[in-house]
Amino acid sequence: MLKTTAPGEASLSGRIDMAASAGLARALAELAARGPLRLDLSGIEAADSSALALLLQARRAAAAAGHALTFAGMPAGLATLAGLYDLGPLLSAGE
């Protein structure tokens, strides 16, 4: 689930798998393109590689619009998965 928590802040929660990512992709990309965004990932309970694609798509949308997208609260499992694909630097909190 994608939830706007404050201006410039949102959170993802629940299971982020292929089915969920398909439904979240457009909304998250549009949100990331509107302005600088801090996305809290700490509520993600489980994720597969489609979650990584979702986050990268949001990062591309933000960059194309000239906005920053930062991630906070990356769950350990998602961080491990990002490491397997060598995506850690692209998804680090400071980026």
N, C-alpha and C. Protein backbone atom coordinates (compact mmCIF):
# COMPACT_ATOMS: atom_id res chain seq x y z
N MET A 1 0.84 -1.17 0.00
CA MET A 1 0.00 0.00 0.00
C MET A 1 0.89 1.25 0.00
N LEU A 2 0.53 2.21 -0.82
CA LEU A 2 1.21 3.50 -0.89
C LEU A 2 0.34 4.52 -0.17
N LYS A 3 0.96 5.25 0.75
CA LYS A 3 0.21 6.23 1.53
C LYS A 3 1.03 7.51 1.64
N THR A 4 0.41 8.63 1.32
CA THR A 4 1.05 9.93 1.53
C THR A 4 0.89 10.26 3.00
N THR A 5 2.01 10.53 3.69
CA THR A 5 1.96 10.76 5.13
C THR A 5 2.10 12.23 5.49
N ALA A 6 2.68 13.03 4.62
CA ALA A 6 2.86 14.46 4.82
C ALA A 6 3.33 15.03 3.49
N PRO A 7 3.31 16.35 3.33
CA PRO A 7 3.83 16.91 2.07
C PRO A 7 5.28 16.46 1.85
N GLY A 8 5.55 15.85 0.72
CA GLY A 8 6.89 15.39 0.41
C GLY A 8 7.28 14.09 1.08
N GLU A 9 6.33 13.43 1.72
CA GLU A 9 6.62 12.17 2.40
C GLU A 9 5.53 11.15 2.12
N ALA A 10 5.95 9.90 1.95
CA ALA A 10 5.01 8.81 1.70
C ALA A 10 5.60 7.52 2.27
N SER A 11 4.78 6.50 2.32
CA SER A 11 5.26 5.21 2.82
C SER A 11 4.69 4.08 1.96
N LEU A 12 5.46 3.02 1.89
CA LEU A 12 5.02 1.77 1.27
C LEU A 12 4.90 0.75 2.38
N SER A 13 3.86 -0.06 2.33
CA SER A 13 3.70 -1.08 3.37
C SER A 13 3.07 -2.33 2.78
N GLY A 14 3.15 -3.40 3.56
CA GLY A 14 2.57 -4.67 3.16
C GLY A 14 3.50 -5.50 2.32
N ARG A 15 2.92 -6.36 1.53
CA ARG A 15 3.69 -7.24 0.65
C ARG A 15 3.83 -6.56 -0.70
N ILE A 16 5.08 -6.35 -1.12
CA ILE A 16 5.33 -5.71 -2.41
C ILE A 16 5.90 -6.78 -3.34
N ASP A 17 4.98 -7.42 -4.06
CA ASP A 17 5.36 -8.46 -5.00
C ASP A 17 4.91 -8.04 -6.40
N MET A 18 4.97 -8.95 -7.36
CA MET A 18 4.65 -8.59 -8.73
C MET A 18 3.21 -8.06 -8.86
N ALA A 19 2.27 -8.70 -8.20
CA ALA A 19 0.87 -8.25 -8.28
C ALA A 19 0.70 -6.85 -7.69
N ALA A 20 1.29 -6.62 -6.53
CA ALA A 20 1.17 -5.32 -5.88
C ALA A 20 1.92 -4.24 -6.64
N SER A 21 3.10 -4.56 -7.14
CA SER A 21 3.92 -3.58 -7.85
C SER A 21 3.22 -3.06 -9.09
N ALA A 22 2.52 -3.93 -9.79
CA ALA A 22 1.80 -3.51 -11.00
C ALA A 22 0.77 -2.43 -10.67
N GLY A 23 0.11 -2.57 -9.54
CA GLY A 23 -0.89 -1.60 -9.14
C GLY A 23 -0.31 -0.32 -8.55
N LEU A 24 0.91 -0.39 -8.05
CA LEU A 24 1.53 0.77 -7.41
C LEU A 24 2.39 1.60 -8.35
N ALA A 25 2.82 1.03 -9.45
CA ALA A 25 3.83 1.65 -10.31
C ALA A 25 3.46 3.06 -10.75
N ARG A 26 2.30 3.22 -11.32
CA ARG A 26 1.91 4.53 -11.85
C ARG A 26 1.77 5.57 -10.74
N ALA A 27 1.07 5.20 -9.66
CA ALA A 27 0.85 6.14 -8.56
C ALA A 27 2.17 6.58 -7.92
N LEU A 28 3.08 5.66 -7.73
CA LEU A 28 4.36 6.01 -7.11
C LEU A 28 5.20 6.86 -8.05
N ALA A 29 5.23 6.53 -9.33
CA ALA A 29 5.99 7.33 -10.29
C ALA A 29 5.44 8.75 -10.37
N GLU A 30 4.13 8.90 -10.38
CA GLU A 30 3.52 10.23 -10.42
C GLU A 30 3.83 11.02 -9.15
N LEU A 31 3.77 10.37 -8.01
CA LEU A 31 4.09 11.03 -6.75
C LEU A 31 5.55 11.48 -6.73
N ALA A 32 6.45 10.62 -7.19
CA ALA A 32 7.88 10.95 -7.21
C ALA A 32 8.18 12.09 -8.18
N ALA A 33 7.39 12.22 -9.24
CA ALA A 33 7.62 13.27 -10.23
C ALA A 33 7.07 14.63 -9.80
N ARG A 34 6.22 14.66 -8.80
CA ARG A 34 5.60 15.92 -8.35
C ARG A 34 6.54 16.85 -7.61
N GLY A 35 7.50 16.28 -6.91
CA GLY A 35 8.40 17.10 -6.11
C GLY A 35 9.30 16.20 -5.29
N PRO A 36 10.21 16.79 -4.53
CA PRO A 36 11.09 15.97 -3.69
C PRO A 36 10.25 15.05 -2.80
N LEU A 37 10.72 13.82 -2.66
CA LEU A 37 9.94 12.83 -1.92
C LEU A 37 10.85 11.98 -1.05
N ARG A 38 10.42 11.79 0.19
CA ARG A 38 11.06 10.84 1.11
C ARG A 38 10.10 9.68 1.25
N LEU A 39 10.55 8.50 0.85
CA LEU A 39 9.70 7.31 0.86
C LEU A 39 10.14 6.36 1.96
N ASP A 40 9.27 6.15 2.93
CA ASP A 40 9.54 5.25 4.05
C ASP A 40 9.18 3.82 3.64
N LEU A 41 10.14 2.94 3.71
CA LEU A 41 9.95 1.55 3.31
C LEU A 41 9.82 0.60 4.49
N SER A 42 9.86 1.13 5.71
CA SER A 42 9.91 0.28 6.90
C SER A 42 8.66 -0.58 7.09
N GLY A 43 7.55 -0.23 6.46
CA GLY A 43 6.33 -1.02 6.59
C GLY A 43 6.22 -2.18 5.63
N ILE A 44 7.23 -2.35 4.78
CA ILE A 44 7.20 -3.47 3.83
C ILE A 44 7.45 -4.76 4.60
N GLU A 45 6.50 -5.68 4.51
CA GLU A 45 6.60 -6.96 5.22
C GLU A 45 7.35 -8.01 4.42
N ALA A 46 7.18 -8.00 3.11
CA ALA A 46 7.85 -8.95 2.22
C ALA A 46 7.95 -8.29 0.85
N ALA A 47 9.00 -8.64 0.11
CA ALA A 47 9.19 -8.05 -1.21
C ALA A 47 9.95 -9.02 -2.09
N ASP A 48 9.69 -8.91 -3.39
CA ASP A 48 10.45 -9.69 -4.36
C ASP A 48 11.15 -8.71 -5.31
N SER A 49 11.74 -9.23 -6.36
CA SER A 49 12.52 -8.36 -7.26
C SER A 49 11.66 -7.31 -7.94
N SER A 50 10.37 -7.52 -8.04
CA SER A 50 9.52 -6.50 -8.64
C SER A 50 9.48 -5.24 -7.78
N ALA A 51 9.68 -5.38 -6.47
CA ALA A 51 9.75 -4.21 -5.59
C ALA A 51 10.96 -3.35 -5.95
N LEU A 52 12.06 -3.99 -6.30
CA LEU A 52 13.24 -3.24 -6.73
C LEU A 52 12.94 -2.48 -8.02
N ALA A 53 12.27 -3.13 -8.96
CA ALA A 53 11.90 -2.47 -10.22
C ALA A 53 10.98 -1.28 -9.94
N LEU A 54 10.07 -1.44 -9.00
CA LEU A 54 9.16 -0.37 -8.62
C LEU A 54 9.93 0.85 -8.09
N LEU A 55 10.88 0.59 -7.21
CA LEU A 55 11.67 1.69 -6.63
C LEU A 55 12.56 2.36 -7.68
N LEU A 56 13.12 1.57 -8.57
CA LEU A 56 13.95 2.15 -9.63
C LEU A 56 13.11 2.97 -10.60
N GLN A 57 11.92 2.52 -10.90
CA GLN A 57 11.03 3.29 -11.77
C GLN A 57 10.68 4.63 -11.12
N ALA A 58 10.41 4.60 -9.83
CA ALA A 58 10.11 5.84 -9.10
C ALA A 58 11.32 6.77 -9.11
N ARG A 59 12.51 6.21 -8.95
CA ARG A 59 13.73 7.02 -8.97
C ARG A 59 13.90 7.68 -10.34
N ARG A 60 13.65 6.93 -11.42
CA ARG A 60 13.75 7.48 -12.78
C ARG A 60 12.73 8.60 -12.99
N ALA A 61 11.51 8.41 -12.51
CA ALA A 61 10.47 9.43 -12.66
C ALA A 61 10.86 10.71 -11.91
N ALA A 62 11.38 10.56 -10.72
CA ALA A 62 11.81 11.73 -9.94
C ALA A 62 12.97 12.44 -10.65
N ALA A 63 13.94 11.67 -11.11
CA ALA A 63 15.09 12.27 -11.79
C ALA A 63 14.68 12.98 -13.07
N ALA A 64 13.77 12.39 -13.82
CA ALA A 64 13.31 13.00 -15.07
C ALA A 64 12.61 14.34 -14.81
N ALA A 65 11.98 14.46 -13.65
CA ALA A 65 11.30 15.70 -13.28
C ALA A 65 12.22 16.65 -12.53
N GLY A 66 13.46 16.22 -12.29
CA GLY A 66 14.42 17.07 -11.59
C GLY A 66 14.25 17.11 -10.09
N HIS A 67 13.66 16.05 -9.53
CA HIS A 67 13.41 16.01 -8.09
C HIS A 67 14.21 14.89 -7.42
N ALA A 68 14.46 15.10 -6.14
CA ALA A 68 15.15 14.07 -5.35
C ALA A 68 14.13 13.06 -4.82
N LEU A 69 14.56 11.82 -4.77
CA LEU A 69 13.78 10.75 -4.13
C LEU A 69 14.71 10.05 -3.17
N THR A 70 14.36 10.05 -1.90
CA THR A 70 15.17 9.37 -0.90
C THR A 70 14.34 8.26 -0.26
N PHE A 71 15.04 7.21 0.14
CA PHE A 71 14.42 6.07 0.77
C PHE A 71 14.85 6.00 2.22
N ALA A 72 13.93 5.65 3.09
CA ALA A 72 14.22 5.49 4.51
C ALA A 72 13.65 4.15 4.97
N GLY A 73 14.27 3.56 5.96
CA GLY A 73 13.74 2.35 6.57
C GLY A 73 13.75 1.13 5.68
N MET A 74 14.77 0.99 4.85
CA MET A 74 14.87 -0.16 3.95
C MET A 74 14.91 -1.45 4.77
N PRO A 75 13.92 -2.34 4.60
CA PRO A 75 13.93 -3.61 5.33
C PRO A 75 15.16 -4.44 4.94
N ALA A 76 15.64 -5.23 5.87
CA ALA A 76 16.84 -6.03 5.64
C ALA A 76 16.71 -6.95 4.42
N GLY A 77 15.56 -7.59 4.28
CA GLY A 77 15.37 -8.50 3.15
C GLY A 77 15.45 -7.79 1.81
N LEU A 78 14.87 -6.61 1.74
CA LEU A 78 14.91 -5.84 0.50
C LEU A 78 16.33 -5.32 0.24
N ALA A 79 17.03 -4.94 1.28
CA ALA A 79 18.42 -4.49 1.13
C ALA A 79 19.30 -5.64 0.64
N THR A 80 19.07 -6.83 1.16
CA THR A 80 19.82 -8.01 0.72
C THR A 80 19.55 -8.29 -0.75
N LEU A 81 18.29 -8.23 -1.14
CA LEU A 81 17.92 -8.45 -2.53
C LEU A 81 18.56 -7.39 -3.44
N ALA A 82 18.55 -6.15 -3.01
CA ALA A 82 19.20 -5.08 -3.78
C ALA A 82 20.69 -5.34 -3.93
N GLY A 83 21.30 -5.86 -2.88
CA GLY A 83 22.72 -6.20 -2.93
C GLY A 83 23.01 -7.30 -3.93
N LEU A 84 22.12 -8.27 -4.02
CA LEU A 84 22.32 -9.36 -4.98
C LEU A 84 22.34 -8.85 -6.42
N TYR A 85 21.56 -7.81 -6.68
CA TYR A 85 21.51 -7.22 -8.02
C TYR A 85 22.47 -6.04 -8.17
N ASP A 86 23.28 -5.79 -7.16
CA ASP A 86 24.23 -4.68 -7.14
C ASP A 86 23.50 -3.33 -7.29
N LEU A 87 22.35 -3.20 -6.65
CA LEU A 87 21.56 -1.98 -6.72
C LEU A 87 21.63 -1.18 -5.43
N GLY A 88 22.38 -1.64 -4.46
CA GLY A 88 22.48 -0.96 -3.18
C GLY A 88 22.77 0.53 -3.31
N PRO A 89 23.78 0.92 -4.11
CA PRO A 89 24.09 2.35 -4.24
C PRO A 89 22.93 3.17 -4.82
N LEU A 90 22.16 2.60 -5.72
CA LEU A 90 21.04 3.33 -6.31
C LEU A 90 19.88 3.50 -5.35
N LEU A 91 19.78 2.61 -4.39
CA LEU A 91 18.65 2.63 -3.47
C LEU A 91 19.04 3.03 -2.06
N SER A 92 20.25 3.50 -1.87
CA SER A 92 20.67 3.88 -0.52
C SER A 92 19.88 5.10 -0.06
N ALA A 93 19.77 5.25 1.23
CA ALA A 93 18.96 6.31 1.81
C ALA A 93 19.44 7.69 1.41
N GLY A 94 20.73 7.86 1.23
CA GLY A 94 21.27 9.19 0.94
C GLY A 94 21.16 9.61 -0.49
N GLU A 95 20.76 8.74 -1.36
CA GLU A 95 20.71 9.08 -2.80
C GLU A 95 19.49 9.89 -3.13
